[in-house]
Every structure is written in structure tokens, then in C-alpha cells.
Amino acid sequence: MKLNAYDVILSPVITEKATLVSEANQVVFKVAPRASKKDIKSAVEGLFKVKVKAVNTIVRKGKVKTFKGRRAQLSDTKKAVVTLEPGHSIDVTTGL
């Protein structure tokens, strides 16, 4: 099943570490768990009109948390670090 670009890219990750890698022409996004690297590359190129050099993905396994005496399993999350070609940039502070 082909994923829509808005279904692949869920949100940008805005953390201190993500802003540090933006100096190296990289952007971090939270993506759909079943999105492949090719899906992520085509979605970023289609939405932001930039050229993508590489895509690296990270899957963070869900933790067990306790809240008010109840234990809960958090869901797994998938992030993508997208490296852009030189001369291209994405400003994640502006919305789509």
C-alpha cells in the first residue's frame, strides 16, 4: 500500500540535539513506523521541494512507565535523520 506524504512525515523533532545536527544540513522527523527509507525520501522531496542526499532511521523501543500506580507500555517510535544536498535547507519552524 502506497503511503501519502502526509502519512509518512508525522512531525519534525525539535530538540537541542536536532537543532545541533541542523548545522550539518540535516533535519530530524518523526515518521510512520512502517515507512521505508524510499518513502521518507520521496515524501520530504515532495513536501519541501528539496534534494535528499541520505536517510537514516532510528526505532526507539517503547518503555514501561508507571503513572498513578498503573504500569503502561509506551509505543515504539520511529525517527528519520534526513541529510540534504548542499545548497538546500528546510525551516521546520514554519508549518506546512
Foldseek 3Di string as FASTA:
>chain_A
DQDDLCQFFPAWDDDPVQVVCVVVQKTKTWGDPPDDQVSNQVSCCVPVVFHWDGKDKDKAQWDWDADPRDIDTDHITMMIITHGDPPDHDDRVDDD
